[in-house]
Amino acid sequence: MTKRIAGPTPRTQSIIENIDATIDSTPVALMEPPAGPAEVNGSSRAALIARKSRPAPKRFTAEHSDEHAANRQAELFYLQKQIQLQTQMVFVLEDGSQVQGVIEWYDRLSIKVRGRSRVLIYKSAIKYLYKSGEVGSAPDS
């Protein structure tokens, strides 16, 4: 038997069309040439290349780092403790689905969970999580 591959949903198709329209209407700026001779075939490089002003790069201040440092440390400590104790956890995702299992490892953006199967979950997709043995730990929706 062959698997039937479904096309994009109407919502996905709408997003694709919006992206295509944005790409088609966005002006393209040429890159600056590498440092080299000032003239090419008798004309200056500045006349050959359209330059656009660039926004200043975003700078992160020390205050920004300190603001999230305490929360970050608490998160790391909690996850490390659950890994060491092999605690059964329930992850409730933004779409409402639940993943149950033991945390194998984590990094800045994701958590790997071993349950019925091994799953890599983006942290941004997690609504909340709790220990599976705790009663009443799921917040009211």
N, C-alpha and C. Protein backbone atom coordinates (compact mmCIF):
# COMPACT_ATOMS: atom_id res chain seq x y z
N MET A 1 0.83 -1.18 0.00
CA MET A 1 0.00 0.00 0.00
C MET A 1 0.88 1.24 0.00
N THR A 2 0.45 2.22 -0.70
CA THR A 2 1.18 3.48 -0.71
C THR A 2 0.47 4.47 0.17
N LYS A 3 1.25 5.30 0.83
CA LYS A 3 0.68 6.33 1.68
C LYS A 3 0.23 7.51 0.83
N ARG A 4 -0.89 8.03 1.19
CA ARG A 4 -1.40 9.20 0.49
C ARG A 4 -0.93 10.44 1.22
N ILE A 5 -0.31 11.33 0.51
CA ILE A 5 0.21 12.55 1.11
C ILE A 5 -0.81 13.66 0.87
N ALA A 6 -1.25 14.25 1.96
CA ALA A 6 -2.25 15.32 1.87
C ALA A 6 -1.56 16.65 1.55
N GLY A 7 -2.25 17.49 0.86
CA GLY A 7 -1.72 18.82 0.54
C GLY A 7 -1.86 19.74 1.73
N PRO A 8 -1.46 20.98 1.56
CA PRO A 8 -1.55 21.93 2.67
C PRO A 8 -3.01 22.22 3.04
N THR A 9 -3.22 22.48 4.32
CA THR A 9 -4.55 22.84 4.79
C THR A 9 -4.88 24.25 4.31
N PRO A 10 -6.14 24.66 4.35
CA PRO A 10 -6.47 26.03 3.93
C PRO A 10 -5.72 27.09 4.73
N ARG A 11 -5.54 26.85 6.03
CA ARG A 11 -4.80 27.82 6.85
C ARG A 11 -3.34 27.89 6.42
N THR A 12 -2.72 26.73 6.19
CA THR A 12 -1.33 26.68 5.75
C THR A 12 -1.18 27.33 4.38
N GLN A 13 -2.13 27.07 3.49
CA GLN A 13 -2.09 27.66 2.15
C GLN A 13 -2.15 29.18 2.24
N SER A 14 -2.98 29.69 3.15
CA SER A 14 -3.09 31.14 3.34
C SER A 14 -1.76 31.74 3.82
N ILE A 15 -1.11 31.04 4.74
CA ILE A 15 0.19 31.51 5.26
C ILE A 15 1.23 31.50 4.15
N ILE A 16 1.24 30.45 3.34
CA ILE A 16 2.20 30.35 2.23
C ILE A 16 1.99 31.49 1.25
N GLU A 17 0.73 31.79 0.93
CA GLU A 17 0.44 32.89 0.00
C GLU A 17 0.88 34.23 0.56
N ASN A 18 0.68 34.44 1.87
CA ASN A 18 1.13 35.69 2.49
C ASN A 18 2.64 35.83 2.44
N ILE A 19 3.34 34.72 2.67
CA ILE A 19 4.81 34.76 2.62
C ILE A 19 5.28 35.05 1.20
N ASP A 20 4.66 34.38 0.21
CA ASP A 20 5.03 34.62 -1.18
C ASP A 20 4.80 36.08 -1.57
N ALA A 21 3.68 36.66 -1.13
CA ALA A 21 3.39 38.06 -1.44
C ALA A 21 4.41 38.99 -0.79
N THR A 22 4.81 38.68 0.43
CA THR A 22 5.80 39.49 1.13
C THR A 22 7.15 39.40 0.43
N ILE A 23 7.53 38.21 0.03
CA ILE A 23 8.82 38.03 -0.65
C ILE A 23 8.83 38.77 -1.97
N ASP A 24 7.72 38.68 -2.72
CA ASP A 24 7.66 39.35 -4.02
C ASP A 24 7.70 40.86 -3.90
N SER A 25 7.16 41.41 -2.80
CA SER A 25 7.08 42.87 -2.67
C SER A 25 8.26 43.47 -1.91
N THR A 26 9.14 42.65 -1.33
CA THR A 26 10.27 43.15 -0.56
C THR A 26 11.42 43.54 -1.48
N PRO A 27 11.91 44.80 -1.38
CA PRO A 27 13.03 45.19 -2.22
C PRO A 27 14.31 44.46 -1.80
N VAL A 28 15.14 44.19 -2.76
CA VAL A 28 16.38 43.48 -2.51
C VAL A 28 17.53 44.47 -2.55
N ALA A 29 18.36 44.46 -1.51
CA ALA A 29 19.51 45.36 -1.45
C ALA A 29 20.76 44.56 -1.82
N LEU A 30 21.63 45.17 -2.56
CA LEU A 30 22.88 44.53 -2.92
C LEU A 30 23.84 44.59 -1.76
N MET A 31 24.70 43.60 -1.66
CA MET A 31 25.70 43.58 -0.60
C MET A 31 26.86 44.50 -0.95
N GLU A 32 27.53 44.99 0.07
CA GLU A 32 28.71 45.81 -0.17
C GLU A 32 29.84 44.93 -0.69
N PRO A 33 30.65 45.46 -1.59
CA PRO A 33 31.77 44.67 -2.11
C PRO A 33 32.87 44.56 -1.07
N PRO A 34 33.73 43.57 -1.21
CA PRO A 34 34.88 43.49 -0.31
C PRO A 34 35.82 44.66 -0.58
N ALA A 35 36.63 44.98 0.44
CA ALA A 35 37.58 46.08 0.28
C ALA A 35 38.54 45.73 -0.86
N GLY A 36 38.77 46.68 -1.72
CA GLY A 36 39.63 46.42 -2.87
C GLY A 36 39.89 47.71 -3.61
N PRO A 37 40.24 47.65 -4.88
CA PRO A 37 40.51 48.86 -5.64
C PRO A 37 39.29 49.76 -5.67
N ALA A 38 39.50 51.05 -5.66
CA ALA A 38 38.42 52.02 -5.60
C ALA A 38 37.65 52.11 -6.91
N GLU A 39 38.24 51.72 -8.01
CA GLU A 39 37.56 51.87 -9.29
C GLU A 39 37.53 50.55 -10.05
N VAL A 40 36.43 50.35 -10.77
CA VAL A 40 36.28 49.18 -11.63
C VAL A 40 35.88 49.71 -12.99
N ASN A 41 36.70 49.45 -14.00
CA ASN A 41 36.43 49.92 -15.37
C ASN A 41 36.15 51.42 -15.44
N GLY A 42 36.89 52.20 -14.67
CA GLY A 42 36.77 53.65 -14.75
C GLY A 42 35.63 54.24 -13.94
N SER A 43 34.81 53.47 -13.30
CA SER A 43 33.74 54.04 -12.48
C SER A 43 33.92 53.59 -11.03
N SER A 44 33.49 54.39 -10.11
CA SER A 44 33.68 54.06 -8.70
C SER A 44 32.70 52.98 -8.26
N ARG A 45 33.11 52.22 -7.27
CA ARG A 45 32.25 51.16 -6.74
C ARG A 45 30.99 51.74 -6.12
N ALA A 46 31.09 52.91 -5.54
CA ALA A 46 29.93 53.52 -4.89
C ALA A 46 28.81 53.76 -5.90
N ALA A 47 29.17 54.08 -7.13
CA ALA A 47 28.15 54.32 -8.15
C ALA A 47 27.53 53.02 -8.63
N LEU A 48 28.22 51.91 -8.49
CA LEU A 48 27.72 50.64 -8.97
C LEU A 48 26.79 49.94 -7.97
N ILE A 49 26.91 50.28 -6.71
CA ILE A 49 26.18 49.54 -5.68
C ILE A 49 25.21 50.45 -4.96
N ALA A 50 23.98 50.00 -4.86
CA ALA A 50 22.97 50.77 -4.11
C ALA A 50 23.16 50.42 -2.63
N ARG A 51 23.38 51.44 -1.83
CA ARG A 51 23.60 51.20 -0.41
C ARG A 51 22.35 51.59 0.36
N LYS A 52 22.04 50.79 1.30
CA LYS A 52 20.90 51.07 2.16
C LYS A 52 21.43 51.27 3.58
N SER A 53 20.77 52.14 4.30
CA SER A 53 21.17 52.32 5.69
C SER A 53 20.71 51.10 6.47
N ARG A 54 21.54 50.66 7.36
CA ARG A 54 21.24 49.48 8.15
C ARG A 54 20.94 49.90 9.57
N PRO A 55 19.97 49.23 10.22
CA PRO A 55 19.71 49.55 11.62
C PRO A 55 20.88 49.10 12.48
N ALA A 56 21.08 49.81 13.58
CA ALA A 56 22.17 49.44 14.49
C ALA A 56 21.87 48.07 15.08
N PRO A 57 22.90 47.26 15.30
CA PRO A 57 22.66 45.94 15.88
C PRO A 57 22.10 46.06 17.29
N LYS A 58 21.23 45.14 17.65
CA LYS A 58 20.60 45.17 18.96
C LYS A 58 21.62 44.77 20.02
N ARG A 59 21.74 45.55 21.02
CA ARG A 59 22.68 45.29 22.11
C ARG A 59 21.91 44.84 23.34
N PHE A 60 22.39 43.80 23.98
CA PHE A 60 21.78 43.33 25.21
C PHE A 60 22.58 43.89 26.37
N THR A 61 21.89 44.48 27.29
CA THR A 61 22.56 45.08 28.44
C THR A 61 22.72 44.05 29.55
N ALA A 62 23.53 44.38 30.52
CA ALA A 62 23.74 43.49 31.65
C ALA A 62 22.45 43.33 32.45
N GLU A 63 21.62 44.39 32.50
CA GLU A 63 20.35 44.31 33.21
C GLU A 63 19.45 43.24 32.62
N HIS A 64 19.45 43.14 31.29
CA HIS A 64 18.62 42.14 30.62
C HIS A 64 19.06 40.74 31.03
N SER A 65 20.34 40.50 31.12
CA SER A 65 20.86 39.19 31.50
C SER A 65 20.51 38.87 32.95
N ASP A 66 20.66 39.86 33.85
CA ASP A 66 20.38 39.64 35.26
C ASP A 66 18.90 39.40 35.51
N GLU A 67 18.07 40.01 34.68
CA GLU A 67 16.62 39.90 34.84
C GLU A 67 16.16 38.45 34.71
N HIS A 68 16.72 37.73 33.76
CA HIS A 68 16.30 36.36 33.51
C HIS A 68 17.22 35.31 34.14
N ALA A 69 18.30 35.73 34.74
CA ALA A 69 19.28 34.79 35.28
C ALA A 69 18.69 33.92 36.39
N ALA A 70 17.91 34.51 37.29
CA ALA A 70 17.35 33.76 38.41
C ALA A 70 16.35 32.72 37.90
N ASN A 71 15.49 33.11 36.97
CA ASN A 71 14.53 32.16 36.41
C ASN A 71 15.23 31.04 35.66
N ARG A 72 16.27 31.40 34.93
CA ARG A 72 17.01 30.41 34.14
C ARG A 72 17.68 29.39 35.06
N GLN A 73 18.29 29.88 36.15
CA GLN A 73 18.95 28.99 37.09
C GLN A 73 17.95 28.06 37.76
N ALA A 74 16.78 28.58 38.11
CA ALA A 74 15.74 27.75 38.74
C ALA A 74 15.27 26.66 37.77
N GLU A 75 15.09 27.03 36.50
CA GLU A 75 14.68 26.06 35.48
C GLU A 75 15.73 24.96 35.33
N LEU A 76 17.00 25.34 35.23
CA LEU A 76 18.08 24.37 35.06
C LEU A 76 18.16 23.42 36.26
N PHE A 77 18.05 23.98 37.46
CA PHE A 77 18.11 23.17 38.67
C PHE A 77 16.96 22.16 38.70
N TYR A 78 15.74 22.61 38.38
CA TYR A 78 14.56 21.75 38.40
C TYR A 78 14.70 20.61 37.38
N LEU A 79 15.10 20.95 36.16
CA LEU A 79 15.23 19.92 35.12
C LEU A 79 16.32 18.92 35.48
N GLN A 80 17.45 19.39 36.00
CA GLN A 80 18.54 18.50 36.37
C GLN A 80 18.11 17.54 37.48
N LYS A 81 17.36 18.05 38.44
CA LYS A 81 16.87 17.22 39.54
C LYS A 81 15.93 16.12 39.02
N GLN A 82 15.05 16.48 38.09
CA GLN A 82 14.12 15.50 37.53
C GLN A 82 14.85 14.43 36.70
N ILE A 83 15.93 14.83 36.03
CA ILE A 83 16.73 13.86 35.28
C ILE A 83 17.39 12.87 36.23
N GLN A 84 17.99 13.38 37.31
CA GLN A 84 18.69 12.52 38.25
C GLN A 84 17.76 11.54 38.96
N LEU A 85 16.54 12.00 39.29
CA LEU A 85 15.59 11.15 39.99
C LEU A 85 14.74 10.29 39.05
N GLN A 86 14.90 10.48 37.72
CA GLN A 86 14.11 9.74 36.73
C GLN A 86 12.61 9.87 37.02
N THR A 87 12.17 11.09 37.28
CA THR A 87 10.78 11.37 37.62
C THR A 87 9.89 11.31 36.38
N GLN A 88 8.75 10.60 36.50
CA GLN A 88 7.77 10.59 35.42
C GLN A 88 7.12 11.98 35.37
N MET A 89 7.17 12.62 34.20
CA MET A 89 6.63 13.96 34.03
C MET A 89 5.53 13.94 32.98
N VAL A 90 4.62 14.91 33.08
CA VAL A 90 3.59 15.11 32.06
C VAL A 90 3.81 16.50 31.49
N PHE A 91 3.98 16.59 30.18
CA PHE A 91 4.16 17.85 29.48
C PHE A 91 2.86 18.16 28.75
N VAL A 92 2.22 19.27 29.09
CA VAL A 92 1.02 19.70 28.38
C VAL A 92 1.47 20.75 27.37
N LEU A 93 1.22 20.48 26.10
CA LEU A 93 1.69 21.36 25.03
C LEU A 93 0.66 22.44 24.73
N GLU A 94 1.09 23.45 24.00
CA GLU A 94 0.22 24.58 23.65
C GLU A 94 -1.04 24.14 22.92
N ASP A 95 -0.96 23.09 22.13
CA ASP A 95 -2.12 22.62 21.38
C ASP A 95 -3.03 21.72 22.21
N GLY A 96 -2.69 21.50 23.49
CA GLY A 96 -3.53 20.70 24.38
C GLY A 96 -3.12 19.25 24.50
N SER A 97 -2.26 18.77 23.62
CA SER A 97 -1.84 17.38 23.72
C SER A 97 -0.87 17.19 24.89
N GLN A 98 -0.78 15.96 25.38
CA GLN A 98 0.07 15.66 26.51
C GLN A 98 1.12 14.63 26.12
N VAL A 99 2.32 14.80 26.66
CA VAL A 99 3.40 13.84 26.47
C VAL A 99 3.86 13.44 27.86
N GLN A 100 3.91 12.13 28.10
CA GLN A 100 4.32 11.64 29.41
C GLN A 100 5.60 10.86 29.27
N GLY A 101 6.53 11.06 30.19
CA GLY A 101 7.78 10.31 30.17
C GLY A 101 8.81 10.90 31.11
N VAL A 102 10.02 10.38 30.98
CA VAL A 102 11.16 10.80 31.80
C VAL A 102 12.05 11.70 30.95
N ILE A 103 12.54 12.78 31.55
CA ILE A 103 13.44 13.69 30.83
C ILE A 103 14.79 13.01 30.67
N GLU A 104 15.26 12.86 29.43
CA GLU A 104 16.59 12.30 29.18
C GLU A 104 17.65 13.38 29.22
N TRP A 105 17.41 14.47 28.51
CA TRP A 105 18.33 15.60 28.50
C TRP A 105 17.59 16.84 28.04
N TYR A 106 18.24 17.99 28.17
CA TYR A 106 17.65 19.25 27.74
C TYR A 106 18.76 20.18 27.27
N ASP A 107 18.39 21.16 26.50
CA ASP A 107 19.31 22.24 26.16
C ASP A 107 18.53 23.55 26.22
N ARG A 108 19.07 24.58 25.64
CA ARG A 108 18.46 25.91 25.74
C ARG A 108 17.07 25.97 25.12
N LEU A 109 16.83 25.20 24.05
CA LEU A 109 15.58 25.32 23.30
C LEU A 109 14.68 24.09 23.36
N SER A 110 15.17 22.96 23.84
CA SER A 110 14.38 21.74 23.74
C SER A 110 14.63 20.80 24.91
N ILE A 111 13.70 19.82 25.03
CA ILE A 111 13.80 18.78 26.06
C ILE A 111 13.53 17.45 25.37
N LYS A 112 14.37 16.45 25.64
CA LYS A 112 14.15 15.11 25.09
C LYS A 112 13.50 14.25 26.16
N VAL A 113 12.34 13.66 25.80
CA VAL A 113 11.55 12.88 26.73
C VAL A 113 11.49 11.43 26.26
N ARG A 114 11.70 10.50 27.19
CA ARG A 114 11.60 9.08 26.90
C ARG A 114 10.34 8.55 27.58
N GLY A 115 9.37 8.16 26.78
CA GLY A 115 8.11 7.60 27.28
C GLY A 115 7.82 6.36 26.47
N ARG A 116 6.64 6.31 25.86
CA ARG A 116 6.33 5.20 24.95
C ARG A 116 7.30 5.22 23.78
N SER A 117 7.67 6.42 23.38
CA SER A 117 8.71 6.61 22.36
C SER A 117 9.56 7.78 22.80
N ARG A 118 10.64 8.03 22.10
CA ARG A 118 11.49 9.16 22.44
C ARG A 118 11.04 10.37 21.62
N VAL A 119 10.83 11.50 22.32
CA VAL A 119 10.28 12.69 21.69
C VAL A 119 11.15 13.89 22.06
N LEU A 120 11.41 14.73 21.07
CA LEU A 120 12.12 15.98 21.30
C LEU A 120 11.08 17.10 21.27
N ILE A 121 10.95 17.83 22.37
CA ILE A 121 9.93 18.87 22.49
C ILE A 121 10.61 20.22 22.57
N TYR A 122 10.17 21.16 21.74
CA TYR A 122 10.66 22.53 21.86
C TYR A 122 10.07 23.14 23.13
N LYS A 123 10.89 23.83 23.91
CA LYS A 123 10.40 24.45 25.14
C LYS A 123 9.30 25.46 24.85
N SER A 124 9.38 26.13 23.71
CA SER A 124 8.36 27.13 23.36
C SER A 124 6.99 26.49 23.13
N ALA A 125 6.93 25.18 22.89
CA ALA A 125 5.67 24.48 22.65
C ALA A 125 5.04 23.96 23.94
N ILE A 126 5.75 24.09 25.08
CA ILE A 126 5.25 23.58 26.35
C ILE A 126 4.43 24.65 27.05
N LYS A 127 3.18 24.30 27.37
CA LYS A 127 2.31 25.22 28.11
C LYS A 127 2.67 25.14 29.60
N TYR A 128 2.71 23.91 30.14
CA TYR A 128 3.16 23.68 31.50
C TYR A 128 3.53 22.21 31.64
N LEU A 129 4.19 21.86 32.77
CA LEU A 129 4.56 20.48 33.03
C LEU A 129 4.40 20.21 34.51
N TYR A 130 4.20 18.94 34.84
CA TYR A 130 4.07 18.56 36.24
C TYR A 130 4.48 17.10 36.39
N LYS A 131 4.74 16.70 37.66
CA LYS A 131 5.08 15.32 37.95
C LYS A 131 3.82 14.50 37.81
N SER A 132 3.89 13.33 37.15
CA SER A 132 2.68 12.57 36.85
C SER A 132 2.02 12.00 38.11
N GLY A 133 2.73 11.83 39.20
CA GLY A 133 2.15 11.29 40.43
C GLY A 133 1.41 12.31 41.25
N GLU A 134 1.58 13.59 40.98
CA GLU A 134 0.96 14.62 41.79
C GLU A 134 -0.52 14.78 41.44
N VAL A 135 -1.36 14.84 42.44
CA VAL A 135 -2.79 15.00 42.23
C VAL A 135 -3.12 16.48 42.32
N GLY A 136 -3.93 16.94 41.37
CA GLY A 136 -4.37 18.34 41.40
C GLY A 136 -3.30 19.31 40.97
N SER A 137 -2.26 18.86 40.28
CA SER A 137 -1.19 19.77 39.89
C SER A 137 -1.49 20.47 38.58
N ALA A 138 -2.45 19.95 37.81
CA ALA A 138 -2.79 20.58 36.54
C ALA A 138 -3.68 21.78 36.81
N PRO A 139 -3.30 22.98 36.30
CA PRO A 139 -4.12 24.16 36.55
C PRO A 139 -5.45 24.07 35.79
N ASP A 140 -6.45 24.78 36.31
CA ASP A 140 -7.75 24.82 35.63
C ASP A 140 -7.62 25.62 34.36
N SER A 141 -8.22 25.13 33.26
CA SER A 141 -8.14 25.83 31.99
C SER A 141 -9.32 26.73 31.79
